[in-house]
Amino acid sequence: MSDIHGCIQEFNLLLRRAAYNPQEDQLILLGDYVDRGKDSRAVVERVMQLAEDCGVIVLRGNHDQMAYDALTGQDDKRDTHWITNGGFDTMLSYCGGTASVLLRHDSSWKDYAEMKEYICREYKEQLDFLGSLPLYYETDTHLYVHAGIDPSLADWKSQRDYDFIWIREPFYNHPVTSTAKTVVFGHTSTTDLQDGPEIWFSPLGDKIGIDGGCVYGEQLNCLEIGDEGYKTYAVRLGEVE
């Protein structure tokens, strides 16, 4: 799964729909737990619980990096970049109505700094968690990453950290030759790769895109990889059982 973006209801429903069993399944999450959606705090709490109790592999996404950098740093450009890319919704999730009043009606850097201080103080464990997430995970057959790898490099592990969580066209528009493993990625909504939010399978068989653009009104996808091949599951935004 990837790009949950604060959609806690859909995330929990998808786990049930896919019949996730921590005793038998290795769940891998490809990043972007926060921003844009309304329940970022709940998603991070749930992901942390799954990591601790069930051994879930939790990778870093660009929005997780943006949130961590903005909240723990003192850089106006990073603050602005985060807030204008869905960070407001994360602030609202952690600070509640106070953030709504300050950021929508009477915002100032002083107010923002106070909210940053509050989040860093009250939710340090969550921030430390986001700041410590790995960039990729490998099995014998697949490579899991938030955004992709640079196909121009002979050794993909030598690429910039930035590209693991931000790369787009140079990755999905070119064949992967630096590894024989299939690259499973999020970050780019599959509606940008095909006509529809379903999981995208590259015609070359070298890539699988799973970001269904849930927070943009589409769906949250789950890819199951088993001995008999691939299975897919999905939950639409706002769907209930």
Protein backbone atom coordinates (compact mmCIF):
# COMPACT_ATOMS: atom_id res chain seq x y z
CA MET A 1 0.00 0.00 0.00
CA SER A 2 1.11 3.59 -0.49
CA ASP A 3 0.04 7.23 -0.32
CA ILE A 4 -2.50 6.91 2.48
CA HIS A 5 -2.39 10.69 3.05
CA GLY A 6 -4.48 10.81 6.20
CA CYS A 7 -7.23 8.53 4.88
CA ILE A 8 -7.51 6.41 8.02
CA GLN A 9 -10.99 5.04 7.34
CA GLU A 10 -10.00 3.79 3.91
CA PHE A 11 -6.71 2.38 5.21
CA ASN A 12 -8.36 0.30 7.92
CA LEU A 13 -11.06 -0.90 5.54
CA LEU A 14 -8.47 -1.93 2.96
CA LEU A 15 -6.56 -3.96 5.54
CA ARG A 16 -9.77 -5.83 6.30
CA ARG A 17 -10.72 -6.22 2.64
CA ALA A 18 -7.33 -7.72 1.82
CA ALA A 19 -7.71 -10.03 4.85
CA TYR A 20 -4.36 -8.87 6.22
CA ASN A 21 -3.02 -11.42 8.70
CA PRO A 22 0.18 -10.33 10.49
CA GLN A 23 0.91 -13.95 11.37
CA GLU A 24 1.17 -14.89 7.69
CA ASP A 25 1.63 -11.68 5.69
CA GLN A 26 4.47 -9.18 5.37
CA LEU A 27 2.84 -5.79 4.91
CA ILE A 28 4.95 -3.13 3.19
CA LEU A 29 3.90 0.53 3.18
CA LEU A 30 5.50 2.80 0.60
CA GLY A 31 5.21 6.20 2.26
CA ASP A 32 3.13 9.39 2.34
CA TYR A 33 1.12 8.82 5.50
CA VAL A 34 0.46 12.53 6.08
CA ASP A 35 -0.82 15.68 4.32
CA ARG A 36 -3.91 16.51 2.24
CA GLY A 37 -6.24 14.10 4.07
CA LYS A 38 -7.95 14.94 7.35
CA ASP A 39 -6.58 12.24 9.70
CA SER A 40 -2.79 12.29 9.36
CA ARG A 41 -2.23 11.88 13.09
CA ALA A 42 -4.47 8.81 13.22
CA VAL A 43 -2.70 7.27 10.22
CA VAL A 44 0.74 7.79 11.75
CA GLU A 45 -0.45 6.31 15.05
CA ARG A 46 -1.88 3.28 13.24
CA VAL A 47 1.24 2.78 11.13
CA MET A 48 3.47 3.00 14.21
CA GLN A 49 1.32 0.41 15.96
CA LEU A 50 1.52 -1.92 12.96
CA ALA A 51 5.29 -1.50 12.77
CA GLU A 52 5.77 -2.26 16.47
CA ASP A 53 3.23 -5.05 16.89
CA CYS A 54 3.22 -6.69 13.46
CA GLY A 55 6.64 -6.02 11.96
CA VAL A 56 5.24 -3.96 9.10
CA ILE A 57 7.87 -2.47 6.77
CA VAL A 58 7.32 1.31 6.71
CA LEU A 59 9.10 3.32 4.02
CA ARG A 60 9.57 7.07 3.70
CA GLY A 61 7.60 9.25 1.29
CA ASN A 62 8.22 12.80 0.14
CA HIS A 63 5.35 14.16 2.24
CA ASP A 64 6.68 12.44 5.35
CA GLN A 65 10.05 14.04 4.64
CA MET A 66 8.49 17.47 4.03
CA ALA A 67 6.52 17.30 7.27
CA TYR A 68 9.53 16.20 9.28
CA ASP A 69 11.82 18.85 7.78
CA ALA A 70 9.32 21.65 8.29
CA LEU A 71 8.27 20.75 11.82
CA THR A 72 11.75 20.06 13.17
CA GLY A 73 13.63 22.75 11.26
CA GLN A 74 13.80 26.53 11.04
CA ASP A 75 13.55 27.20 7.32
CA ASP A 76 10.83 29.48 5.95
CA LYS A 77 11.07 27.99 2.46
CA ARG A 78 10.56 24.47 3.76
CA ASP A 79 7.68 25.66 5.92
CA THR A 80 5.96 27.34 2.97
CA HIS A 81 6.58 24.39 0.66
CA TRP A 82 5.03 21.99 3.15
CA ILE A 83 2.01 24.12 4.06
CA THR A 84 1.15 24.72 0.41
CA ASN A 85 1.42 21.00 -0.38
CA GLY A 86 -1.07 19.67 2.14
CA GLY A 87 0.74 20.48 5.36
CA PHE A 88 -2.15 22.61 6.60
CA ASP A 89 -4.32 19.50 6.84
CA THR A 90 -1.63 17.79 8.90
CA MET A 91 -1.37 20.80 11.23
CA LEU A 92 -5.14 20.71 11.63
CA SER A 93 -5.01 17.01 12.44
CA TYR A 94 -2.49 17.56 15.23
CA CYS A 95 -3.67 20.92 16.56
CA GLY A 96 -7.41 20.79 15.95
CA GLY A 97 -9.60 23.88 15.82
CA THR A 98 -6.80 26.18 16.93
CA ALA A 99 -4.94 25.51 13.71
CA SER A 100 -8.10 26.09 11.71
CA VAL A 101 -8.62 29.56 13.16
CA LEU A 102 -5.00 30.65 13.00
CA LEU A 103 -4.06 29.27 9.61
CA ARG A 104 -7.26 30.10 7.77
CA HIS A 105 -8.16 33.49 9.23
CA ASP A 106 -5.33 35.21 11.08
CA SER A 107 -2.18 33.35 10.22
CA SER A 108 1.26 34.58 11.13
CA TRP A 109 4.67 32.99 11.38
CA LYS A 110 4.46 33.45 15.16
CA ASP A 111 1.26 31.39 15.31
CA TYR A 112 2.76 28.78 13.02
CA ALA A 113 5.93 28.60 15.13
CA GLU A 114 3.84 28.05 18.26
CA MET A 115 1.97 25.19 16.62
CA LYS A 116 5.24 23.66 15.42
CA GLU A 117 6.56 23.84 18.96
CA TYR A 118 3.39 22.19 20.27
CA ILE A 119 3.60 19.31 17.79
CA CYS A 120 7.33 18.79 18.42
CA ARG A 121 6.71 18.71 22.15
CA GLU A 122 3.56 16.59 22.27
CA TYR A 123 4.27 14.27 19.34
CA LYS A 124 8.03 13.89 19.39
CA GLU A 125 7.78 10.11 19.10
CA GLN A 126 5.78 10.39 15.89
CA LEU A 127 8.19 12.91 14.39
CA ASP A 128 11.19 10.76 15.32
CA PHE A 129 9.44 7.84 13.65
CA LEU A 130 8.84 9.76 10.41
CA GLY A 131 12.42 11.00 10.41
CA SER A 132 13.88 7.51 10.75
CA LEU A 133 12.04 5.71 7.95
CA PRO A 134 14.12 3.83 5.35
CA LEU A 135 14.06 4.75 1.66
CA TYR A 136 13.63 1.28 0.17
CA TYR A 137 13.11 -2.39 0.92
CA GLU A 138 14.18 -5.42 -1.12
CA THR A 139 13.13 -9.04 -1.45
CA ASP A 140 14.55 -11.64 -3.82
CA THR A 141 12.13 -10.60 -6.55
CA HIS A 142 10.93 -7.06 -5.84
CA LEU A 143 12.25 -3.64 -4.90
CA TYR A 144 9.89 -1.40 -2.94
CA VAL A 145 10.30 2.37 -2.94
CA HIS A 146 8.11 5.44 -2.65
CA ALA A 147 8.84 7.20 -5.96
CA GLY A 148 11.25 5.08 -7.99
CA ILE A 149 14.88 4.73 -9.00
CA ASP A 150 17.06 6.56 -11.51
CA PRO A 151 17.30 4.33 -14.62
CA SER A 152 20.36 6.21 -15.86
CA LEU A 153 22.54 4.86 -13.04
CA ALA A 154 24.28 1.51 -13.20
CA ASP A 155 23.94 1.22 -9.41
CA TRP A 156 20.54 2.47 -8.27
CA LYS A 157 21.66 2.44 -4.62
CA SER A 158 24.07 5.28 -5.41
CA GLN A 159 21.29 7.69 -6.37
CA ARG A 160 20.40 10.74 -4.31
CA ASP A 161 18.02 10.24 -1.40
CA TYR A 162 15.87 12.89 -3.07
CA ASP A 163 15.14 10.63 -6.04
CA PHE A 164 13.90 7.75 -3.89
CA ILE A 165 11.01 9.94 -2.76
CA TRP A 166 10.57 12.49 -5.58
CA ILE A 167 11.51 11.05 -8.99
CA ARG A 168 8.77 10.77 -11.61
CA GLU A 169 9.08 10.81 -15.43
CA PRO A 170 12.76 9.79 -15.70
CA PHE A 171 11.80 6.64 -13.79
CA TYR A 172 8.45 5.56 -15.16
CA ASN A 173 9.13 6.63 -18.76
CA HIS A 174 12.32 4.57 -19.11
CA PRO A 175 13.15 0.87 -18.69
CA VAL A 176 14.82 -0.27 -15.48
CA THR A 177 18.09 -2.01 -16.31
CA SER A 178 20.08 -1.68 -13.09
CA THR A 179 18.15 -4.46 -11.36
CA ALA A 180 16.28 -7.57 -12.46
CA LYS A 181 13.79 -7.03 -9.66
CA THR A 182 10.36 -5.56 -10.31
CA VAL A 183 10.10 -2.08 -8.80
CA VAL A 184 6.90 -1.47 -6.81
CA PHE A 185 6.29 2.24 -6.26
CA GLY A 186 3.76 4.89 -5.24
CA HIS A 187 4.04 8.70 -5.43
CA THR A 188 2.69 9.05 -8.98
CA SER A 189 -1.05 8.46 -9.20
CA THR A 190 -1.83 5.64 -11.58
CA THR A 191 -4.33 7.94 -13.31
CA ASP A 192 -1.23 9.68 -14.70
CA LEU A 193 -0.03 6.36 -16.13
CA GLN A 194 -3.28 4.90 -17.46
CA ASP A 195 -7.02 5.53 -17.73
CA GLY A 196 -8.08 4.73 -14.19
CA PRO A 197 -6.87 4.50 -10.57
CA GLU A 198 -6.28 0.76 -10.58
CA ILE A 199 -2.81 -0.67 -9.99
CA TRP A 200 -0.60 -0.08 -13.03
CA PHE A 201 1.53 -2.88 -14.43
CA SER A 202 4.26 -1.71 -16.79
CA PRO A 203 4.09 -3.37 -20.23
CA LEU A 204 7.78 -4.26 -19.78
CA GLY A 205 7.10 -5.99 -16.47
CA ASP A 206 9.75 -3.93 -14.68
CA LYS A 207 7.48 -1.63 -12.65
CA ILE A 208 4.21 -1.70 -10.73
CA GLY A 209 2.57 1.56 -9.65
CA ILE A 210 0.11 1.32 -6.77
CA ASP A 211 -0.85 4.92 -5.86
CA GLY A 212 -4.56 5.08 -6.66
CA GLY A 213 -4.89 8.76 -5.75
CA CYS A 214 -7.30 8.12 -2.87
CA VAL A 215 -6.97 11.56 -1.29
CA TYR A 216 -7.79 13.13 -4.67
CA GLY A 217 -11.13 11.34 -4.83
CA GLU A 218 -10.06 8.01 -6.29
CA GLN A 219 -9.03 4.87 -4.39
CA LEU A 220 -6.51 3.28 -2.04
CA ASN A 221 -4.88 0.21 -3.57
CA CYS A 222 -3.32 -2.91 -2.11
CA LEU A 223 -1.09 -5.26 -4.11
CA GLU A 224 -0.81 -8.83 -2.84
CA ILE A 225 2.22 -10.76 -4.07
CA GLY A 226 1.99 -14.51 -3.60
CA ASP A 227 3.18 -17.79 -5.04
CA GLU A 228 0.38 -17.70 -7.61
CA GLY A 229 1.11 -14.16 -8.78
CA TYR A 230 -0.57 -10.85 -8.06
CA LYS A 231 -3.92 -9.97 -6.54
CA THR A 232 -5.29 -6.46 -6.14
CA TYR A 233 -7.68 -4.87 -3.69
CA ALA A 234 -9.07 -1.35 -3.49
CA VAL A 235 -11.23 0.96 -1.39
CA ARG A 236 -12.76 4.11 -2.82
CA LEU A 237 -12.46 7.42 -0.97
CA GLY A 238 -15.31 7.65 1.53
CA GLU A 239 -16.32 4.02 1.10
CA VAL A 240 -17.74 2.24 4.14
CA GLU A 241 -18.53 -1.41 4.75
